[in-house]
Structures are given as C-alpha cells and as structure tokens.
Amino acid sequence: MAIEVLLRRSIEGVGSVGEVVRVKNGYARNYLLPYSMAALVTPDAMRNIDKDKAAEAVREAEEAVARAALSEKLASIQLRIECRAGEDGHLYGSVGPRQVIDALRRHGLRFEERQVRFETVRQLGEYEVPIHLSREHNVKVKLWVVLDPEDAKAHAENAERRANEEAAMARYASQHPAPPPVAEGEAAAAPAAAAAPADADAKAAAKAARAAERAAKAEAAKAAKKK
C-alpha cells in the first residue's frame, strides 16, 4: 500500500525537498514521518515548505564544505590490502567493498557498503575505488591489492630454487656437450664400428690366457723331471 507524503528533505532515490511523492506506507510511518524527513500532505505542511527549503540550503552548504574536505583526504590516501595469492597473482580469496571499508577505517574514515562502488576482484594489482559521497559527488581512491608477506617470501624462495636448478643444468650442459649428430649413411655403420674395439680386446684376452696355460704346463714338466 502506498501513501503520498511531502518531502521536507531531499532523499536520494526518492525526491527533492518540496516534492510530493508516493512511498510505501511502512517506509513513511517508520522512517520518513518520525524523523521529520517528510510530512503528510496538508495545507500547513505546504505553507511551511519554504522554511524546509531554506534549511535544506543551509545544510547543503555545510555538507559541501565537509565533502570538499573529505574528497581532498580521499584523494591523498592509497589503500593497501594484503592477500594470499598464487605465483600467477590469482587471489586465494577475493577483495570487495567490505575489505575496502575495513581499509578505509584504518585511515579513520567510515563509509557504508552502499557508498563503495567497487566490483569484487580476484587478482593482485592496482585499482581505483569509486566512493559515492552524494548524488553529484564521487571520488576515486587508489587501491593496491598486494601479496601477503609470507606468500611473498615463499614465492621468492621457489623462484631462487628454480633459478639455481636452471643454472646447474646450464653448467652441466656446457661441460658435457652433446655428441655431434650422426649422418643417415653413417648410422648403420656406427654399431659395427663401436663393436670392433670390443672384439679386439676379447681376442687379446684369449691369447694371453692360452700363453699363460702353456707356461704353466712347461713349469709342471720341469718339476716332474727334477723328481
């Protein structure tokens, strides 16, 4: 069920001071009317609306000064949020408006989640966070999503280990160069050429064994004659 009310103050998304708008009955009864944000549409309320407009102008001037100071402070800060992430920079979790609000609070600034117009990210990097101050005023704040120190240390150690392994492999390759490539015509002859020295060694060993056997027999014959 809707009800018509006369706005005594400008409300974003609802209307400006002096406008007659239709809102839900519960919204009017529980918020707008008790907090003097609006009034029922009556002749008295319509006559007093000029006073409400003048009060609104004073508030707007005061809020403009406060917004300017806040905008200047926001422009001067850089938010930093540490996160766990893989070596490719992909976050194990995510960063969204709630994390940004916590980071702003560490700078002494308090905002509601609806004021932080920031899409959730899942990658390390630099971002801009739009902060909604009013209908016509938004400020962008620098945000750095950086690697957690423990993960940064672990990634650095892994990178150093890989670099050492690659350096060791490079040294081994330089000290043990690969054999030259074998031409296609020579490929068939290679096994025979490799087997030739082995055959010669085997023949020499057999010849030496036979010579040793003959010498042993000669010694045995001499010993028999002496007896």
C-alpha atoms as a PDB file:
ATOM      1  CA  MET A   1       0.000   0.000   0.000  1.00  0.00           C
ATOM      2  CA  ALA A   2       1.375   3.429  -0.977  1.00  0.00           C
ATOM      3  CA  ILE A   3       0.917   6.803   0.636  1.00  0.00           C
ATOM      4  CA  GLU A   4       1.595  10.368  -0.541  1.00  0.00           C
ATOM      5  CA  VAL A   5       3.966  12.481   1.530  1.00  0.00           C
ATOM      6  CA  LEU A   6       5.580  15.892   1.204  1.00  0.00           C
ATOM      7  CA  LEU A   7       9.365  15.660   1.404  1.00  0.00           C
ATOM      8  CA  ARG A   8      10.894  18.025   3.955  1.00  0.00           C
ATOM      9  CA  ARG A   9      14.390  16.961   2.979  1.00  0.00           C
ATOM     10  CA  SER A  10      15.947  15.726  -0.243  1.00  0.00           C
ATOM     11  CA  ILE A  11      16.409  11.960  -0.215  1.00  0.00           C
ATOM     12  CA  GLU A  12      18.490  10.228  -2.829  1.00  0.00           C
ATOM     13  CA  GLY A  13      16.394   7.867  -4.888  1.00  0.00           C
ATOM     14  CA  VAL A  14      13.147   9.308  -3.512  1.00  0.00           C
ATOM     15  CA  GLY A  15      12.927  13.002  -4.379  1.00  0.00           C
ATOM     16  CA  SER A  16      13.858  16.580  -3.503  1.00  0.00           C
ATOM     17  CA  VAL A  17      12.590  18.825  -0.735  1.00  0.00           C
ATOM     18  CA  GLY A  18       9.131  20.217  -1.527  1.00  0.00           C
ATOM     19  CA  GLU A  19       8.104  17.320  -3.788  1.00  0.00           C
ATOM     20  CA  VAL A  20       5.032  15.215  -3.188  1.00  0.00           C
ATOM     21  CA  VAL A  21       5.922  11.558  -3.699  1.00  0.00           C
ATOM     22  CA  ARG A  22       4.262   8.181  -3.262  1.00  0.00           C
ATOM     23  CA  VAL A  23       6.114   5.772  -0.986  1.00  0.00           C
ATOM     24  CA  LYS A  24       5.281   2.573   0.831  1.00  0.00           C
ATOM     25  CA  ASN A  25       3.158   3.099   3.910  1.00  0.00           C
ATOM     26  CA  GLY A  26       5.656   1.327   6.189  1.00  0.00           C
ATOM     27  CA  TYR A  27       8.562   3.415   4.879  1.00  0.00           C
ATOM     28  CA  ALA A  28       6.622   6.599   5.581  1.00  0.00           C
ATOM     29  CA  ARG A  29       5.318   5.585   9.006  1.00  0.00           C
ATOM     30  CA  ASN A  30       8.528   4.008  10.299  1.00  0.00           C
ATOM     31  CA  TYR A  31      11.156   6.358   8.855  1.00  0.00           C
ATOM     32  CA  LEU A  32      10.122   9.455   6.899  1.00  0.00           C
ATOM     33  CA  LEU A  33       7.491  10.825   9.262  1.00  0.00           C
ATOM     34  CA  PRO A  34       9.129  10.013  12.658  1.00  0.00           C
ATOM     35  CA  TYR A  35      12.464  11.511  11.558  1.00  0.00           C
ATOM     36  CA  SER A  36      10.859  14.627  10.040  1.00  0.00           C
ATOM     37  CA  MET A  37      12.114  13.680   6.588  1.00  0.00           C
ATOM     38  CA  ALA A  38       8.597  14.141   5.226  1.00  0.00           C
ATOM     39  CA  ALA A  39       5.112  15.226   6.294  1.00  0.00           C
ATOM     40  CA  LEU A  40       1.614  14.280   5.367  1.00  0.00           C
ATOM     41  CA  VAL A  41       0.296  16.443   2.547  1.00  0.00           C
ATOM     42  CA  THR A  42      -1.664  19.128   4.398  1.00  0.00           C
ATOM     43  CA  PRO A  43      -2.136  22.904   3.905  1.00  0.00           C
ATOM     44  CA  ASP A  44       0.044  23.631   6.945  1.00  0.00           C
ATOM     45  CA  ALA A  45       2.837  21.428   5.619  1.00  0.00           C
ATOM     46  CA  MET A  46       2.643  23.121   2.223  1.00  0.00           C
ATOM     47  CA  ARG A  47       2.861  26.596   3.820  1.00  0.00           C
ATOM     48  CA  ASN A  48       5.952  25.620   5.818  1.00  0.00           C
ATOM     49  CA  ILE A  49       7.786  24.052   2.918  1.00  0.00           C
ATOM     50  CA  ASP A  50       9.687  27.289   2.187  1.00  0.00           C
ATOM     51  CA  LYS A  51      11.259  27.064   5.646  1.00  0.00           C
ATOM     52  CA  ASP A  52      12.247  23.451   4.897  1.00  0.00           C
ATOM     53  CA  LYS A  53      13.835  24.528   1.613  1.00  0.00           C
ATOM     54  CA  ALA A  54      15.825  27.274   3.361  1.00  0.00           C
ATOM     55  CA  ALA A  55      17.020  24.796   5.992  1.00  0.00           C
ATOM     56  CA  GLU A  56      17.968  22.399   3.198  1.00  0.00           C
ATOM     57  CA  ALA A  57      20.066  25.101   1.530  1.00  0.00           C
ATOM     58  CA  VAL A  58      21.972  25.728   4.762  1.00  0.00           C
ATOM     59  CA  ARG A  59      22.600  22.012   5.228  1.00  0.00           C
ATOM     60  CA  GLU A  60      23.739  21.683   1.612  1.00  0.00           C
ATOM     61  CA  ALA A  61      26.273  24.485   2.087  1.00  0.00           C
ATOM     62  CA  GLU A  62      27.646  22.870   5.242  1.00  0.00           C
ATOM     63  CA  GLU A  63      27.742  19.433   3.618  1.00  0.00           C
ATOM     64  CA  ALA A  64      29.512  20.872   0.566  1.00  0.00           C
ATOM     65  CA  VAL A  65      32.334  22.122   2.775  1.00  0.00           C
ATOM     66  CA  ALA A  66      32.546  18.754   4.525  1.00  0.00           C
ATOM     67  CA  ARG A  67      32.515  16.903   1.183  1.00  0.00           C
ATOM     68  CA  ALA A  68      35.327  19.049  -0.164  1.00  0.00           C
ATOM     69  CA  ALA A  69      37.491  18.272   2.852  1.00  0.00           C
ATOM     70  CA  LEU A  70      36.623  14.578   2.650  1.00  0.00           C
ATOM     71  CA  SER A  71      37.302  14.490  -1.099  1.00  0.00           C
ATOM     72  CA  GLU A  72      40.718  16.044  -0.547  1.00  0.00           C
ATOM     73  CA  LYS A  73      41.590  13.483   2.105  1.00  0.00           C
ATOM     74  CA  LEU A  74      40.394  10.563  -0.013  1.00  0.00           C
ATOM     75  CA  ALA A  75      42.436  11.771  -2.978  1.00  0.00           C
ATOM     76  CA  SER A  76      45.569  11.875  -0.822  1.00  0.00           C
ATOM     77  CA  ILE A  77      45.457   8.298   0.501  1.00  0.00           C
ATOM     78  CA  GLN A  78      46.300   4.951  -1.032  1.00  0.00           C
ATOM     79  CA  LEU A  79      44.634   1.872   0.347  1.00  0.00           C
ATOM     80  CA  ARG A  80      46.683  -1.294   0.730  1.00  0.00           C
ATOM     81  CA  ILE A  81      45.173  -4.735   1.260  1.00  0.00           C
ATOM     82  CA  GLU A  82      47.425  -7.774   1.750  1.00  0.00           C
ATOM     83  CA  CYS A  83      46.114 -11.069   0.374  1.00  0.00           C
ATOM     84  CA  ARG A  84      47.254 -14.617  -0.148  1.00  0.00           C
ATOM     85  CA  ALA A  85      47.764 -15.496  -3.792  1.00  0.00           C
ATOM     86  CA  GLY A  86      49.474 -17.945  -6.117  1.00  0.00           C
ATOM     87  CA  GLU A  87      52.611 -17.191  -8.112  1.00  0.00           C
ATOM     88  CA  ASP A  88      50.383 -16.154 -11.032  1.00  0.00           C
ATOM     89  CA  GLY A  89      48.870 -13.389  -8.872  1.00  0.00           C
ATOM     90  CA  HIS A  90      45.431 -15.033  -8.591  1.00  0.00           C
ATOM     91  CA  LEU A  91      43.972 -14.498  -5.125  1.00  0.00           C
ATOM     92  CA  TYR A  92      43.025 -17.462  -2.966  1.00  0.00           C
ATOM     93  CA  GLY A  93      40.026 -15.364  -1.902  1.00  0.00           C
ATOM     94  CA  SER A  94      38.690 -12.028  -3.155  1.00  0.00           C
ATOM     95  CA  VAL A  95      38.613  -8.312  -2.368  1.00  0.00           C
ATOM     96  CA  GLY A  96      35.294  -6.445  -2.391  1.00  0.00           C
ATOM     97  CA  PRO A  97      33.512  -3.498  -0.751  1.00  0.00           C
ATOM     98  CA  ARG A  98      33.748  -4.928   2.776  1.00  0.00           C
ATOM     99  CA  GLN A  99      37.533  -5.240   2.581  1.00  0.00           C
ATOM    100  CA  VAL A 100      37.726  -1.693   1.179  1.00  0.00           C
ATOM    101  CA  ILE A 101      35.593  -0.382   4.058  1.00  0.00           C
ATOM    102  CA  ASP A 102      37.947  -2.048   6.553  1.00  0.00           C
ATOM    103  CA  ALA A 103      40.944  -0.449   4.822  1.00  0.00           C
ATOM    104  CA  LEU A 104      39.251   2.977   4.894  1.00  0.00           C
ATOM    105  CA  ARG A 105      38.503   2.541   8.587  1.00  0.00           C
ATOM    106  CA  ARG A 106      42.228   2.127   9.231  1.00  0.00           C
ATOM    107  CA  HIS A 107      42.594   5.658   7.846  1.00  0.00           C
ATOM    108  CA  GLY A 108      39.926   6.932  10.218  1.00  0.00           C
ATOM    109  CA  LEU A 109      37.204   7.047   7.541  1.00  0.00           C
ATOM    110  CA  ARG A 110      33.826   5.384   7.900  1.00  0.00           C
ATOM    111  CA  PHE A 111      31.583   4.531   4.970  1.00  0.00           C
ATOM    112  CA  GLU A 112      28.615   2.307   4.338  1.00  0.00           C
ATOM    113  CA  GLU A 113      28.843  -0.568   1.882  1.00  0.00           C
ATOM    114  CA  ARG A 114      26.396   1.127  -0.500  1.00  0.00           C
ATOM    115  CA  GLN A 115      28.841   4.032  -0.863  1.00  0.00           C
ATOM    116  CA  VAL A 116      31.700   1.838  -2.075  1.00  0.00           C
ATOM    117  CA  ARG A 117      31.007   1.282  -5.796  1.00  0.00           C
ATOM    118  CA  PHE A 118      33.643  -1.389  -6.296  1.00  0.00           C
ATOM    119  CA  GLU A 119      33.369  -4.703  -8.107  1.00  0.00           C
ATOM    120  CA  THR A 120      34.948  -7.732  -6.407  1.00  0.00           C
ATOM    121  CA  VAL A 121      38.441  -8.561  -7.738  1.00  0.00           C
ATOM    122  CA  ARG A 122      40.472 -11.781  -7.566  1.00  0.00           C
ATOM    123  CA  GLN A 123      43.855 -10.644  -8.849  1.00  0.00           C
ATOM    124  CA  LEU A 124      46.784  -8.761  -7.369  1.00  0.00           C
ATOM    125  CA  GLY A 125      47.206  -5.281  -8.789  1.00  0.00           C
ATOM    126  CA  GLU A 126      46.347  -1.591  -8.682  1.00  0.00           C
ATOM    127  CA  TYR A 127      42.707  -0.485  -8.752  1.00  0.00           C
ATOM    128  CA  GLU A 128      40.532   2.621  -8.435  1.00  0.00           C
ATOM    129  CA  VAL A 129      37.640   2.515  -5.986  1.00  0.00           C
ATOM    130  CA  PRO A 130      34.750   4.949  -6.594  1.00  0.00           C
ATOM    131  CA  ILE A 131      33.406   6.336  -3.313  1.00  0.00           C
ATOM    132  CA  HIS A 132      29.882   7.752  -3.518  1.00  0.00           C
ATOM    133  CA  LEU A 133      29.543  10.890  -1.398  1.00  0.00           C
ATOM    134  CA  SER A 134      26.285  12.303  -2.767  1.00  0.00           C
ATOM    135  CA  ARG A 135      24.108  12.309  -5.857  1.00  0.00           C
ATOM    136  CA  GLU A 136      26.580  14.520  -7.707  1.00  0.00           C
ATOM    137  CA  HIS A 137      29.844  13.721  -5.984  1.00  0.00           C
ATOM    138  CA  ASN A 138      32.042  10.645  -6.350  1.00  0.00           C
ATOM    139  CA  VAL A 139      35.725  10.310  -5.513  1.00  0.00           C
ATOM    140  CA  LYS A 140      38.136   7.652  -6.724  1.00  0.00           C
ATOM    141  CA  VAL A 141      40.611   6.173  -4.259  1.00  0.00           C
ATOM    142  CA  LYS A 142      43.751   4.251  -5.189  1.00  0.00           C
ATOM    143  CA  LEU A 143      43.795   0.653  -4.006  1.00  0.00           C
ATOM    144  CA  TRP A 144      46.754  -1.716  -4.048  1.00  0.00           C
ATOM    145  CA  VAL A 145      45.976  -5.407  -3.620  1.00  0.00           C
ATOM    146  CA  VAL A 146      49.373  -6.820  -2.669  1.00  0.00           C
ATOM    147  CA  LEU A 147      50.827 -10.190  -1.781  1.00  0.00           C
ATOM    148  CA  ASP A 148      50.836 -11.390   1.809  1.00  0.00           C
ATOM    149  CA  PRO A 149      54.432 -11.222   3.208  1.00  0.00           C
ATOM    150  CA  GLU A 150      54.589 -14.952   3.981  1.00  0.00           C
ATOM    151  CA  ASP A 151      53.474 -15.861   0.463  1.00  0.00           C
ATOM    152  CA  ALA A 152      55.892 -13.312  -0.975  1.00  0.00           C
ATOM    153  CA  LYS A 153      58.758 -14.972   0.911  1.00  0.00           C
ATOM    154  CA  ALA A 154      57.689 -18.462  -0.211  1.00  0.00           C
ATOM    155  CA  HIS A 155      57.380 -17.364  -3.854  1.00  0.00           C
ATOM    156  CA  ALA A 156      60.821 -15.731  -3.725  1.00  0.00           C
ATOM    157  CA  GLU A 157      62.378 -18.907  -2.324  1.00  0.00           C
ATOM    158  CA  ASN A 158      60.729 -21.012  -5.033  1.00  0.00           C
ATOM    159  CA  ALA A 159      61.955 -18.651  -7.724  1.00  0.00           C
ATOM    160  CA  GLU A 160      65.510 -18.757  -6.335  1.00  0.00           C
ATOM    161  CA  ARG A 161      65.448 -22.564  -6.221  1.00  0.00           C
ATOM    162  CA  ARG A 162      64.295 -22.768  -9.828  1.00  0.00           C
ATOM    163  CA  ALA A 163      66.988 -20.310 -10.889  1.00  0.00           C
ATOM    164  CA  ASN A 164      69.673 -22.393  -9.167  1.00  0.00           C
ATOM    165  CA  GLU A 165      68.421 -25.580 -10.827  1.00  0.00           C
ATOM    166  CA  GLU A 166      68.449 -23.945 -14.251  1.00  0.00           C
ATOM    167  CA  ALA A 167      71.952 -22.594 -13.664  1.00  0.00           C
ATOM    168  CA  ALA A 168      73.176 -26.063 -12.630  1.00  0.00           C
ATOM    169  CA  MET A 169      71.645 -27.605 -15.741  1.00  0.00           C
ATOM    170  CA  ALA A 170      73.295 -24.948 -17.906  1.00  0.00           C
ATOM    171  CA  ARG A 171      76.712 -25.628 -16.332  1.00  0.00           C
ATOM    172  CA  TYR A 172      76.330 -29.381 -16.868  1.00  0.00           C
ATOM    173  CA  ALA A 173      75.340 -28.852 -20.489  1.00  0.00           C
ATOM    174  CA  SER A 174      78.403 -26.656 -21.087  1.00  0.00           C
ATOM    175  CA  GLN A 175      80.727 -29.248 -19.518  1.00  0.00           C
ATOM    176  CA  HIS A 176      79.121 -32.237 -21.251  1.00  0.00           C
ATOM    177  CA  PRO A 177      78.306 -31.168 -24.773  1.00  0.00           C
ATOM    178  CA  ALA A 178      76.038 -33.417 -26.767  1.00  0.00           C
ATOM    179  CA  PRO A 179      77.753 -35.649 -29.391  1.00  0.00           C
ATOM    180  CA  PRO A 180      77.609 -34.389 -32.953  1.00  0.00           C
ATOM    181  CA  PRO A 181      74.661 -35.647 -34.964  1.00  0.00           C
ATOM    182  CA  VAL A 182      75.254 -38.835 -36.989  1.00  0.00           C
ATOM    183  CA  ALA A 183      74.618 -38.647 -40.707  1.00  0.00           C
ATOM    184  CA  GLU A 184      71.968 -41.000 -42.038  1.00  0.00           C
ATOM    185  CA  GLY A 185      74.511 -43.022 -44.091  1.00  0.00           C
ATOM    186  CA  GLU A 186      76.792 -43.423 -41.109  1.00  0.00           C
ATOM    187  CA  ALA A 187      74.071 -44.522 -38.716  1.00  0.00           C
ATOM    188  CA  ALA A 188      74.159 -48.191 -39.856  1.00  0.00           C
ATOM    189  CA  ALA A 189      77.957 -48.410 -39.641  1.00  0.00           C
ATOM    190  CA  ALA A 190      78.083 -46.951 -36.172  1.00  0.00           C
ATOM    191  CA  PRO A 191      77.188 -50.157 -34.272  1.00  0.00           C
ATOM    192  CA  ALA A 192      79.834 -52.180 -36.160  1.00  0.00           C
ATOM    193  CA  ALA A 193      82.472 -49.517 -35.555  1.00  0.00           C
ATOM    194  CA  ALA A 194      81.622 -49.473 -31.867  1.00  0.00           C
ATOM    195  CA  ALA A 195      81.822 -53.279 -31.671  1.00  0.00           C
ATOM    196  CA  ALA A 196      85.309 -53.528 -33.338  1.00  0.00           C
ATOM    197  CA  PRO A 197      87.343 -52.451 -30.281  1.00  0.00           C
ATOM    198  CA  ALA A 198      85.400 -54.849 -28.097  1.00  0.00           C
ATOM    199  CA  ASP A 199      86.205 -57.779 -30.422  1.00  0.00           C
ATOM    200  CA  ALA A 200      89.920 -56.912 -30.430  1.00  0.00           C
ATOM    201  CA  ASP A 201      90.009 -56.783 -26.649  1.00  0.00           C
ATOM    202  CA  ALA A 202      88.346 -60.189 -26.430  1.00  0.00           C
ATOM    203  CA  LYS A 203      90.871 -61.775 -28.821  1.00  0.00           C
ATOM    204  CA  ALA A 204      93.822 -60.333 -26.922  1.00  0.00           C
ATOM    205  CA  ALA A 205      92.441 -61.635 -23.645  1.00  0.00           C
ATOM    206  CA  ALA A 206      92.026 -65.148 -25.110  1.00  0.00           C
ATOM    207  CA  LYS A 207      95.590 -65.132 -26.495  1.00  0.00           C
ATOM    208  CA  ALA A 208      97.003 -64.136 -23.144  1.00  0.00           C
ATOM    209  CA  ALA A 209      95.043 -66.899 -21.414  1.00  0.00           C
ATOM    210  CA  ARG A 210      96.452 -69.544 -23.795  1.00  0.00           C
ATOM    211  CA  ALA A 211     100.004 -68.297 -23.254  1.00  0.00           C
ATOM    212  CA  ALA A 212      99.568 -68.483 -19.510  1.00  0.00           C
ATOM    213  CA  GLU A 213      98.257 -72.027 -19.813  1.00  0.00           C
ATOM    214  CA  ARG A 214     101.322 -73.138 -21.881  1.00  0.00           C
ATOM    215  CA  ALA A 215     103.703 -71.578 -19.396  1.00  0.00           C
ATOM    216  CA  ALA A 216     102.023 -73.397 -16.535  1.00  0.00           C
ATOM    217  CA  LYS A 217     102.359 -76.752 -18.309  1.00  0.00           C
ATOM    218  CA  ALA A 218     106.058 -76.144 -19.018  1.00  0.00           C
ATOM    219  CA  GLU A 219     106.725 -75.391 -15.387  1.00  0.00           C
ATOM    220  CA  ALA A 220     104.931 -78.557 -14.350  1.00  0.00           C
ATOM    221  CA  ALA A 221     107.017 -80.661 -16.779  1.00  0.00           C
ATOM    222  CA  LYS A 222     110.314 -79.253 -15.404  1.00  0.00           C
ATOM    223  CA  ALA A 223     109.239 -80.043 -11.900  1.00  0.00           C
ATOM    224  CA  ALA A 224     108.456 -83.653 -12.855  1.00  0.00           C
ATOM    225  CA  LYS A 225     111.941 -84.184 -14.410  1.00  0.00           C
ATOM    226  CA  LYS A 226     113.718 -82.963 -11.280  1.00  0.00           C
ATOM    227  CA  LYS A 227     111.929 -85.629  -9.276  1.00  0.00           C
END
